[in-house]
């Protein structure tokens, strides 16, 4: 069973929307941005001026376009190929501050970024950026839906990116490694990590590059249904490389049992607090 935050329940604040037909992204993004307008946020459609979604927003929100509540922003003005993840996130952090200063409740963005990804290195760089963006979403009144064309990128590339979002529509995604809420751990881990998702999990950990605090690297694991012995061995090695103890906080009893049997020195399972 996969993890998907937008198939059922309310829309989350950082959504990876994978599509085979562009119209499905346009429809979802339009509703996502319209909700932002209704909530009093400034909204950005990051797309070329002639994009279908941009045209829909101009027709639907002419007054909001005129006063700047709804903006169509060229991708070249928001995504800088040479920028690292921190610099890219800072751009949206500054834009959120500007929206707040202008009297809006926050900033909401919809962007189809497929055209900016050319090969595995750019996919990895963007996945790393998405994890940092997820942290911004948790800390500030910023929200985003990110579109990825599965036909152009391939299912494996989309999964690399989707598992680092708060939510996605990617069917069968085995786990989610997303940012924790302020005051929580280094990240949240939900779903299942077993043989089927082990390589993806190792990749996600490296891309997220989680940093310990006070010698501990805490994962909020209340949503983790199961992690097999190889996943726990991977976490143990990851923690050792960072001279830390990795804490799985709130993990299910089965995971705690496997960890106890392995006797891992760098992994500790704690009950929910």
C-alpha atoms as a PDB file:
ATOM      1  CA  UNK A   1       0.000   0.000   0.000  1.00  0.00           C
ATOM      2  CA  UNK A   2       1.425   3.351  -0.996  1.00  0.00           C
ATOM      3  CA  UNK A   3       1.408   6.765   0.618  1.00  0.00           C
ATOM      4  CA  UNK A   4      -0.686   9.413  -1.104  1.00  0.00           C
ATOM      5  CA  UNK A   5      -1.785  12.640   0.540  1.00  0.00           C
ATOM      6  CA  UNK A   6      -4.197  13.915  -2.096  1.00  0.00           C
ATOM      7  CA  UNK A   7      -6.209  10.887  -3.181  1.00  0.00           C
ATOM      8  CA  UNK A   8      -8.321  11.095  -0.028  1.00  0.00           C
ATOM      9  CA  UNK A   9      -8.816  13.895   2.472  1.00  0.00           C
ATOM     10  CA  UNK A  10      -7.927  17.583   2.306  1.00  0.00           C
ATOM     11  CA  UNK A  11      -5.219  18.920   0.041  1.00  0.00           C
ATOM     12  CA  UNK A  12      -1.877  19.270   1.769  1.00  0.00           C
ATOM     13  CA  UNK A  13       0.361  22.325   1.474  1.00  0.00           C
ATOM     14  CA  UNK A  14       3.116  20.796  -0.668  1.00  0.00           C
ATOM     15  CA  UNK A  15       1.840  18.476  -3.352  1.00  0.00           C
ATOM     16  CA  UNK A  16       3.695  16.589  -6.071  1.00  0.00           C
ATOM     17  CA  UNK A  17       1.185  16.206  -8.898  1.00  0.00           C
ATOM     18  CA  UNK A  18       2.276  13.657 -11.500  1.00  0.00           C
ATOM     19  CA  UNK A  19       0.330  13.512 -14.736  1.00  0.00           C
ATOM     20  CA  UNK A  20       0.074  11.841 -18.124  1.00  0.00           C
ATOM     21  CA  UNK A  21      -2.297  14.473 -19.503  1.00  0.00           C
ATOM     22  CA  UNK A  22      -1.435  18.162 -18.869  1.00  0.00           C
ATOM     23  CA  UNK A  23      -5.103  19.036 -18.434  1.00  0.00           C
ATOM     24  CA  UNK A  24      -5.275  17.104 -15.171  1.00  0.00           C
ATOM     25  CA  UNK A  25      -2.516  19.249 -13.669  1.00  0.00           C
ATOM     26  CA  UNK A  26      -4.115  22.457 -14.959  1.00  0.00           C
ATOM     27  CA  UNK A  27      -7.449  21.535 -13.371  1.00  0.00           C
ATOM     28  CA  UNK A  28      -5.923  20.601 -10.031  1.00  0.00           C
ATOM     29  CA  UNK A  29      -3.631  23.642  -9.968  1.00  0.00           C
ATOM     30  CA  UNK A  30      -6.487  26.001 -10.818  1.00  0.00           C
ATOM     31  CA  UNK A  31      -8.496  24.738  -7.855  1.00  0.00           C
ATOM     32  CA  UNK A  32      -5.441  24.882  -5.613  1.00  0.00           C
ATOM     33  CA  UNK A  33      -4.779  28.517  -6.531  1.00  0.00           C
ATOM     34  CA  UNK A  34      -8.461  29.456  -6.296  1.00  0.00           C
ATOM     35  CA  UNK A  35      -8.482  28.141  -2.729  1.00  0.00           C
ATOM     36  CA  UNK A  36      -5.506  30.410  -2.051  1.00  0.00           C
ATOM     37  CA  UNK A  37      -7.356  33.445  -3.419  1.00  0.00           C
ATOM     38  CA  UNK A  38     -10.361  32.609  -1.237  1.00  0.00           C
ATOM     39  CA  UNK A  39      -8.071  32.367   1.806  1.00  0.00           C
ATOM     40  CA  UNK A  40      -6.610  35.824   1.163  1.00  0.00           C
ATOM     41  CA  UNK A  41      -3.225  34.666  -0.089  1.00  0.00           C
ATOM     42  CA  UNK A  42      -1.279  36.006  -3.015  1.00  0.00           C
ATOM     43  CA  UNK A  43      -1.061  33.285  -5.669  1.00  0.00           C
ATOM     44  CA  UNK A  44       1.501  32.689  -8.381  1.00  0.00           C
ATOM     45  CA  UNK A  45       1.048  30.659 -11.544  1.00  0.00           C
ATOM     46  CA  UNK A  46       4.614  29.899 -12.576  1.00  0.00           C
ATOM     47  CA  UNK A  47       4.204  29.323 -16.301  1.00  0.00           C
ATOM     48  CA  UNK A  48       4.875  30.945 -19.677  1.00  0.00           C
ATOM     49  CA  UNK A  49       2.443  33.756 -20.476  1.00  0.00           C
ATOM     50  CA  UNK A  50       0.695  31.643 -23.120  1.00  0.00           C
ATOM     51  CA  UNK A  51       0.134  28.566 -20.925  1.00  0.00           C
ATOM     52  CA  UNK A  52      -3.393  27.186 -20.633  1.00  0.00           C
ATOM     53  CA  UNK A  53      -3.466  27.593 -16.854  1.00  0.00           C
ATOM     54  CA  UNK A  54      -2.343  31.221 -17.123  1.00  0.00           C
ATOM     55  CA  UNK A  55      -5.186  31.908 -19.538  1.00  0.00           C
ATOM     56  CA  UNK A  56      -7.740  30.304 -17.243  1.00  0.00           C
ATOM     57  CA  UNK A  57      -6.627  32.442 -14.332  1.00  0.00           C
ATOM     58  CA  UNK A  58      -6.801  35.640 -16.392  1.00  0.00           C
ATOM     59  CA  UNK A  59     -10.387  34.809 -17.336  1.00  0.00           C
ATOM     60  CA  UNK A  60     -11.400  33.812 -13.811  1.00  0.00           C
ATOM     61  CA  UNK A  61      -9.609  36.475 -11.769  1.00  0.00           C
ATOM     62  CA  UNK A  62      -9.312  39.663 -13.876  1.00  0.00           C
ATOM     63  CA  UNK A  63      -9.646  42.013 -10.891  1.00  0.00           C
ATOM     64  CA  UNK A  64      -7.170  40.008  -8.825  1.00  0.00           C
ATOM     65  CA  UNK A  65      -4.715  40.026 -11.732  1.00  0.00           C
ATOM     66  CA  UNK A  66      -4.939  43.829 -11.954  1.00  0.00           C
ATOM     67  CA  UNK A  67      -4.222  44.365  -8.260  1.00  0.00           C
ATOM     68  CA  UNK A  68      -1.496  41.725  -8.041  1.00  0.00           C
ATOM     69  CA  UNK A  69      -3.294  39.164  -5.905  1.00  0.00           C
ATOM     70  CA  UNK A  70      -2.945  36.700  -8.786  1.00  0.00           C
ATOM     71  CA  UNK A  71       0.297  36.738 -10.756  1.00  0.00           C
ATOM     72  CA  UNK A  72       1.545  34.841 -13.788  1.00  0.00           C
ATOM     73  CA  UNK A  73       5.307  34.519 -13.304  1.00  0.00           C
ATOM     74  CA  UNK A  74       7.798  33.378 -15.914  1.00  0.00           C
ATOM     75  CA  UNK A  75       9.694  30.240 -14.779  1.00  0.00           C
ATOM     76  CA  UNK A  76      13.014  31.915 -15.629  1.00  0.00           C
ATOM     77  CA  UNK A  77      12.300  34.504 -12.929  1.00  0.00           C
ATOM     78  CA  UNK A  78      11.713  31.924 -10.213  1.00  0.00           C
ATOM     79  CA  UNK A  79      13.951  28.929 -10.965  1.00  0.00           C
ATOM     80  CA  UNK A  80      17.659  29.620 -11.398  1.00  0.00           C
ATOM     81  CA  UNK A  81      19.547  26.583 -12.801  1.00  0.00           C
ATOM     82  CA  UNK A  82      22.798  27.500 -11.033  1.00  0.00           C
ATOM     83  CA  UNK A  83      21.155  28.090  -7.655  1.00  0.00           C
ATOM     84  CA  UNK A  84      21.568  25.541  -4.882  1.00  0.00           C
ATOM     85  CA  UNK A  85      18.551  24.331  -2.891  1.00  0.00           C
ATOM     86  CA  UNK A  86      19.032  26.892  -0.128  1.00  0.00           C
ATOM     87  CA  UNK A  87      19.250  29.815  -2.550  1.00  0.00           C
ATOM     88  CA  UNK A  88      16.209  28.591  -4.484  1.00  0.00           C
ATOM     89  CA  UNK A  89      14.143  28.250  -1.323  1.00  0.00           C
ATOM     90  CA  UNK A  90      15.289  31.693  -0.164  1.00  0.00           C
ATOM     91  CA  UNK A  91      13.662  33.179  -3.270  1.00  0.00           C
ATOM     92  CA  UNK A  92      10.283  31.821  -2.200  1.00  0.00           C
ATOM     93  CA  UNK A  93      10.900  32.759   1.427  1.00  0.00           C
ATOM     94  CA  UNK A  94      11.550  36.356   0.347  1.00  0.00           C
ATOM     95  CA  UNK A  95       8.454  36.306  -1.876  1.00  0.00           C
ATOM     96  CA  UNK A  96       6.393  35.045   1.059  1.00  0.00           C
ATOM     97  CA  UNK A  97       7.701  37.908   3.198  1.00  0.00           C
ATOM     98  CA  UNK A  98       6.765  40.361   0.448  1.00  0.00           C
ATOM     99  CA  UNK A  99       3.247  38.923   0.217  1.00  0.00           C
ATOM    100  CA  UNK A 100       2.804  39.236   3.987  1.00  0.00           C
ATOM    101  CA  UNK A 101       4.093  42.823   3.911  1.00  0.00           C
ATOM    102  CA  UNK A 102       1.529  43.606   1.198  1.00  0.00           C
ATOM    103  CA  UNK A 103      -1.266  42.416   3.461  1.00  0.00           C
ATOM    104  CA  UNK A 104      -1.824  38.907   2.119  1.00  0.00           C
ATOM    105  CA  UNK A 105      -2.097  35.878   4.378  1.00  0.00           C
ATOM    106  CA  UNK A 106       0.744  34.082   2.618  1.00  0.00           C
ATOM    107  CA  UNK A 107       1.927  32.880  -0.787  1.00  0.00           C
ATOM    108  CA  UNK A 108       0.540  29.966  -2.799  1.00  0.00           C
ATOM    109  CA  UNK A 109       2.314  28.729  -5.946  1.00  0.00           C
ATOM    110  CA  UNK A 110       1.506  26.307  -8.757  1.00  0.00           C
ATOM    111  CA  UNK A 111       4.340  25.382 -11.114  1.00  0.00           C
ATOM    112  CA  UNK A 112       4.844  22.711 -13.762  1.00  0.00           C
ATOM    113  CA  UNK A 113       8.616  22.292 -13.658  1.00  0.00           C
ATOM    114  CA  UNK A 114       8.963  19.380 -16.098  1.00  0.00           C
ATOM    115  CA  UNK A 115      10.701  21.476 -18.768  1.00  0.00           C
ATOM    116  CA  UNK A 116      13.494  22.386 -16.341  1.00  0.00           C
ATOM    117  CA  UNK A 117      14.609  18.786 -15.771  1.00  0.00           C
ATOM    118  CA  UNK A 118      17.016  17.244 -18.273  1.00  0.00           C
ATOM    119  CA  UNK A 119      18.577  14.039 -16.999  1.00  0.00           C
ATOM    120  CA  UNK A 120      19.230  12.311 -13.666  1.00  0.00           C
ATOM    121  CA  UNK A 121      21.517  15.011 -12.243  1.00  0.00           C
ATOM    122  CA  UNK A 122      18.896  17.727 -12.617  1.00  0.00           C
ATOM    123  CA  UNK A 123      16.208  15.411 -11.248  1.00  0.00           C
ATOM    124  CA  UNK A 124      18.380  14.765  -8.179  1.00  0.00           C
ATOM    125  CA  UNK A 125      19.108  18.477  -7.723  1.00  0.00           C
ATOM    126  CA  UNK A 126      15.426  19.321  -7.956  1.00  0.00           C
ATOM    127  CA  UNK A 127      14.448  16.541  -5.567  1.00  0.00           C
ATOM    128  CA  UNK A 128      16.947  17.958  -3.067  1.00  0.00           C
ATOM    129  CA  UNK A 129      15.422  21.404  -3.540  1.00  0.00           C
ATOM    130  CA  UNK A 130      11.907  20.014  -3.038  1.00  0.00           C
ATOM    131  CA  UNK A 131      12.864  18.664   0.379  1.00  0.00           C
ATOM    132  CA  UNK A 132      14.142  22.083   1.416  1.00  0.00           C
ATOM    133  CA  UNK A 133      10.960  23.648   0.033  1.00  0.00           C
ATOM    134  CA  UNK A 134       9.002  21.204   2.170  1.00  0.00           C
ATOM    135  CA  UNK A 135      10.738  22.668   5.224  1.00  0.00           C
ATOM    136  CA  UNK A 136       9.697  26.165   4.155  1.00  0.00           C
ATOM    137  CA  UNK A 137       6.088  25.008   3.791  1.00  0.00           C
ATOM    138  CA  UNK A 138       6.123  23.673   7.345  1.00  0.00           C
ATOM    139  CA  UNK A 139       7.614  26.840   8.799  1.00  0.00           C
ATOM    140  CA  UNK A 140       5.930  29.667   6.858  1.00  0.00           C
ATOM    141  CA  UNK A 141       2.560  30.537   5.220  1.00  0.00           C
ATOM    142  CA  UNK A 142       3.812  29.193   1.893  1.00  0.00           C
ATOM    143  CA  UNK A 143       2.213  26.381  -0.095  1.00  0.00           C
ATOM    144  CA  UNK A 144       2.859  24.868  -3.501  1.00  0.00           C
ATOM    145  CA  UNK A 145       1.732  22.277  -6.012  1.00  0.00           C
ATOM    146  CA  UNK A 146       4.480  21.024  -8.324  1.00  0.00           C
ATOM    147  CA  UNK A 147       3.627  19.419 -11.654  1.00  0.00           C
ATOM    148  CA  UNK A 148       5.691  16.635 -13.232  1.00  0.00           C
ATOM    149  CA  UNK A 149       4.949  14.995 -16.588  1.00  0.00           C
ATOM    150  CA  UNK A 150       5.416  11.263 -16.085  1.00  0.00           C
ATOM    151  CA  UNK A 151       5.656  10.675 -19.864  1.00  0.00           C
ATOM    152  CA  UNK A 152       8.635  13.017 -20.192  1.00  0.00           C
ATOM    153  CA  UNK A 153      10.462  12.149 -16.968  1.00  0.00           C
ATOM    154  CA  UNK A 154       9.613   8.502 -16.402  1.00  0.00           C
ATOM    155  CA  UNK A 155       7.989   6.919 -13.355  1.00  0.00           C
ATOM    156  CA  UNK A 156      11.269   6.354 -11.478  1.00  0.00           C
ATOM    157  CA  UNK A 157      12.290  10.025 -11.687  1.00  0.00           C
ATOM    158  CA  UNK A 158       8.864  11.150 -10.498  1.00  0.00           C
ATOM    159  CA  UNK A 159       9.046   8.777  -7.523  1.00  0.00           C
ATOM    160  CA  UNK A 160      12.453  10.230  -6.507  1.00  0.00           C
ATOM    161  CA  UNK A 161      10.813  13.641  -6.271  1.00  0.00           C
ATOM    162  CA  UNK A 162       7.382  12.650  -4.963  1.00  0.00           C
ATOM    163  CA  UNK A 163       8.649  10.816  -1.873  1.00  0.00           C
ATOM    164  CA  UNK A 164      10.192  14.083  -0.603  1.00  0.00           C
ATOM    165  CA  UNK A 165       6.874  15.989  -0.684  1.00  0.00           C
ATOM    166  CA  UNK A 166       4.280  16.284   2.064  1.00  0.00           C
ATOM    167  CA  UNK A 167       1.757  14.713  -0.302  1.00  0.00           C
ATOM    168  CA  UNK A 168       1.431  13.361  -3.826  1.00  0.00           C
ATOM    169  CA  UNK A 169      -0.954  11.648  -6.202  1.00  0.00           C
ATOM    170  CA  UNK A 170       1.629   9.010  -7.160  1.00  0.00           C
ATOM    171  CA  UNK A 171      -0.020   5.619  -6.794  1.00  0.00           C
ATOM    172  CA  UNK A 172       1.939   2.945  -4.960  1.00  0.00           C
ATOM    173  CA  UNK A 173       4.578   5.254  -3.512  1.00  0.00           C
ATOM    174  CA  UNK A 174       5.944   3.115  -0.657  1.00  0.00           C
ATOM    175  CA  UNK A 175       6.987   5.838   1.780  1.00  0.00           C
ATOM    176  CA  UNK A 176       7.233   9.582   2.345  1.00  0.00           C
ATOM    177  CA  UNK A 177      10.263  11.365   3.815  1.00  0.00           C
ATOM    178  CA  UNK A 178       9.024  14.909   4.378  1.00  0.00           C
ATOM    179  CA  UNK A 179       9.870  17.837   6.620  1.00  0.00           C
ATOM    180  CA  UNK A 180       8.698  17.825  10.217  1.00  0.00           C
ATOM    181  CA  UNK A 181       6.584  20.539  11.735  1.00  0.00           C
ATOM    182  CA  UNK A 182       8.567  23.204  13.638  1.00  0.00           C
ATOM    183  CA  UNK A 183       9.805  21.744  16.887  1.00  0.00           C
ATOM    184  CA  UNK A 184       9.645  18.207  15.543  1.00  0.00           C
ATOM    185  CA  UNK A 185      12.479  16.024  14.318  1.00  0.00           C
ATOM    186  CA  UNK A 186      14.726  16.271  11.291  1.00  0.00           C
ATOM    187  CA  UNK A 187      12.015  14.765   9.093  1.00  0.00           C
ATOM    188  CA  UNK A 188       8.823  12.698   9.064  1.00  0.00           C
ATOM    189  CA  UNK A 189       8.897   9.130   7.776  1.00  0.00           C
ATOM    190  CA  UNK A 190       5.604   7.493   6.814  1.00  0.00           C
ATOM    191  CA  UNK A 191       4.549   4.376   4.931  1.00  0.00           C
ATOM    192  CA  UNK A 192       6.574   1.186   4.589  1.00  0.00           C
ATOM    193  CA  UNK A 193      10.250   0.608   3.836  1.00  0.00           C
ATOM    194  CA  UNK A 194      10.999  -2.902   2.671  1.00  0.00           C
ATOM    195  CA  UNK A 195      12.691  -4.591  -0.282  1.00  0.00           C
ATOM    196  CA  UNK A 196      10.383  -2.919  -2.811  1.00  0.00           C
ATOM    197  CA  UNK A 197      11.359   0.614  -1.792  1.00  0.00           C
ATOM    198  CA  UNK A 198      14.836   0.147  -0.336  1.00  0.00           C
ATOM    199  CA  UNK A 199      16.826   1.747  -3.176  1.00  0.00           C
ATOM    200  CA  UNK A 200      14.415   4.672  -3.337  1.00  0.00           C
ATOM    201  CA  UNK A 201      14.715   5.093   0.439  1.00  0.00           C
ATOM    202  CA  UNK A 202      18.529   5.143   0.321  1.00  0.00           C
ATOM    203  CA  UNK A 203      18.351   7.737  -2.445  1.00  0.00           C
ATOM    204  CA  UNK A 204      15.848   9.876  -0.510  1.00  0.00           C
ATOM    205  CA  UNK A 205      18.023   9.880   2.605  1.00  0.00           C
ATOM    206  CA  UNK A 206      21.041  11.053   0.628  1.00  0.00           C
ATOM    207  CA  UNK A 207      19.059  13.763  -1.155  1.00  0.00           C
ATOM    208  CA  UNK A 208      17.493  15.026   2.079  1.00  0.00           C
ATOM    209  CA  UNK A 209      20.929  15.101   3.766  1.00  0.00           C
ATOM    210  CA  UNK A 210      19.433  15.220   7.258  1.00  0.00           C
ATOM    211  CA  UNK A 211      21.542  16.848   9.948  1.00  0.00           C
ATOM    212  CA  UNK A 212      21.667  15.787  13.612  1.00  0.00           C
ATOM    213  CA  UNK A 213      20.964  18.098  16.532  1.00  0.00           C
ATOM    214  CA  UNK A 214      22.705  17.477  19.820  1.00  0.00           C
ATOM    215  CA  UNK A 215      24.036  14.147  18.587  1.00  0.00           C
ATOM    216  CA  UNK A 216      20.567  12.862  17.613  1.00  0.00           C
ATOM    217  CA  UNK A 217      18.851  12.628  14.268  1.00  0.00           C
ATOM    218  CA  UNK A 218      15.139  12.344  15.049  1.00  0.00           C
ATOM    219  CA  UNK A 219      12.608  10.995  12.557  1.00  0.00           C
ATOM    220  CA  UNK A 220       8.942  11.456  13.442  1.00  0.00           C
ATOM    221  CA  UNK A 221       7.821   7.933  12.596  1.00  0.00           C
ATOM    222  CA  UNK A 222       4.231   7.784  13.859  1.00  0.00           C
ATOM    223  CA  UNK A 223       3.125   7.192  10.267  1.00  0.00           C
ATOM    224  CA  UNK A 224       5.714   4.479   9.614  1.00  0.00           C
ATOM    225  CA  UNK A 225       3.849   1.196   9.358  1.00  0.00           C
ATOM    226  CA  UNK A 226       6.927  -0.992   8.984  1.00  0.00           C
ATOM    227  CA  UNK A 227      10.671  -0.908   8.279  1.00  0.00           C
ATOM    228  CA  UNK A 228      12.422  -4.184   7.553  1.00  0.00           C
ATOM    229  CA  UNK A 229      15.839  -5.197   8.878  1.00  0.00           C
ATOM    230  CA  UNK A 230      17.740  -3.910   5.835  1.00  0.00           C
ATOM    231  CA  UNK A 231      16.062  -0.508   6.113  1.00  0.00           C
ATOM    232  CA  UNK A 232      17.085  -0.339   9.768  1.00  0.00           C
ATOM    233  CA  UNK A 233      20.643  -1.339   8.893  1.00  0.00           C
ATOM    234  CA  UNK A 234      20.644   1.463   6.323  1.00  0.00           C
ATOM    235  CA  UNK A 235      19.474   3.951   8.954  1.00  0.00           C
ATOM    236  CA  UNK A 236      22.153   2.706  11.331  1.00  0.00           C
ATOM    237  CA  UNK A 237      24.873   3.306   8.723  1.00  0.00           C
ATOM    238  CA  UNK A 238      23.391   6.726   7.877  1.00  0.00           C
ATOM    239  CA  UNK A 239      23.505   7.764  11.528  1.00  0.00           C
ATOM    240  CA  UNK A 240      27.060   6.478  11.999  1.00  0.00           C
ATOM    241  CA  UNK A 241      28.252   8.517   9.009  1.00  0.00           C
ATOM    242  CA  UNK A 242      26.907  11.586  10.804  1.00  0.00           C
ATOM    243  CA  UNK A 243      28.280  10.605  14.235  1.00  0.00           C
ATOM    244  CA  UNK A 244      24.740  10.532  15.591  1.00  0.00           C
ATOM    245  CA  UNK A 245      22.054   8.278  17.028  1.00  0.00           C
ATOM    246  CA  UNK A 246      19.007   8.050  14.788  1.00  0.00           C
ATOM    247  CA  UNK A 247      15.768   8.119  16.774  1.00  0.00           C
ATOM    248  CA  UNK A 248      12.590   6.652  15.272  1.00  0.00           C
ATOM    249  CA  UNK A 249      10.006   8.437  17.397  1.00  0.00           C
ATOM    250  CA  UNK A 250       6.572   6.865  17.550  1.00  0.00           C
ATOM    251  CA  UNK A 251       7.355   3.905  15.266  1.00  0.00           C
ATOM    252  CA  UNK A 252       5.066   0.874  15.302  1.00  0.00           C
ATOM    253  CA  UNK A 253       5.849  -2.038  17.615  1.00  0.00           C
ATOM    254  CA  UNK A 254       6.970  -4.351  14.808  1.00  0.00           C
ATOM    255  CA  UNK A 255       9.728  -1.947  13.827  1.00  0.00           C
ATOM    256  CA  UNK A 256      10.864  -1.642  17.438  1.00  0.00           C
ATOM    257  CA  UNK A 257      10.952  -5.445  17.713  1.00  0.00           C
ATOM    258  CA  UNK A 258      13.132  -5.820  14.596  1.00  0.00           C
ATOM    259  CA  UNK A 259      15.468  -3.062  15.798  1.00  0.00           C
ATOM    260  CA  UNK A 260      15.826  -4.777  19.180  1.00  0.00           C
ATOM    261  CA  UNK A 261      16.685  -8.095  17.539  1.00  0.00           C
ATOM    262  CA  UNK A 262      19.382  -6.429  15.433  1.00  0.00           C
ATOM    263  CA  UNK A 263      20.926  -4.689  18.438  1.00  0.00           C
ATOM    264  CA  UNK A 264      21.745  -1.549  16.468  1.00  0.00           C
ATOM    265  CA  UNK A 265      23.926   0.880  18.398  1.00  0.00           C
ATOM    266  CA  UNK A 266      23.063   3.918  16.255  1.00  0.00           C
ATOM    267  CA  UNK A 267      19.269   3.421  16.013  1.00  0.00           C
ATOM    268  CA  UNK A 268      16.808   3.885  18.849  1.00  0.00           C
ATOM    269  CA  UNK A 269      13.051   3.411  18.663  1.00  0.00           C
ATOM    270  CA  UNK A 270      10.952   5.546  20.988  1.00  0.00           C
ATOM    271  CA  UNK A 271       7.246   5.511  21.690  1.00  0.00           C
ATOM    272  CA  UNK A 272       5.090   8.510  20.809  1.00  0.00           C
ATOM    273  CA  UNK A 273       5.367  11.492  23.132  1.00  0.00           C
END
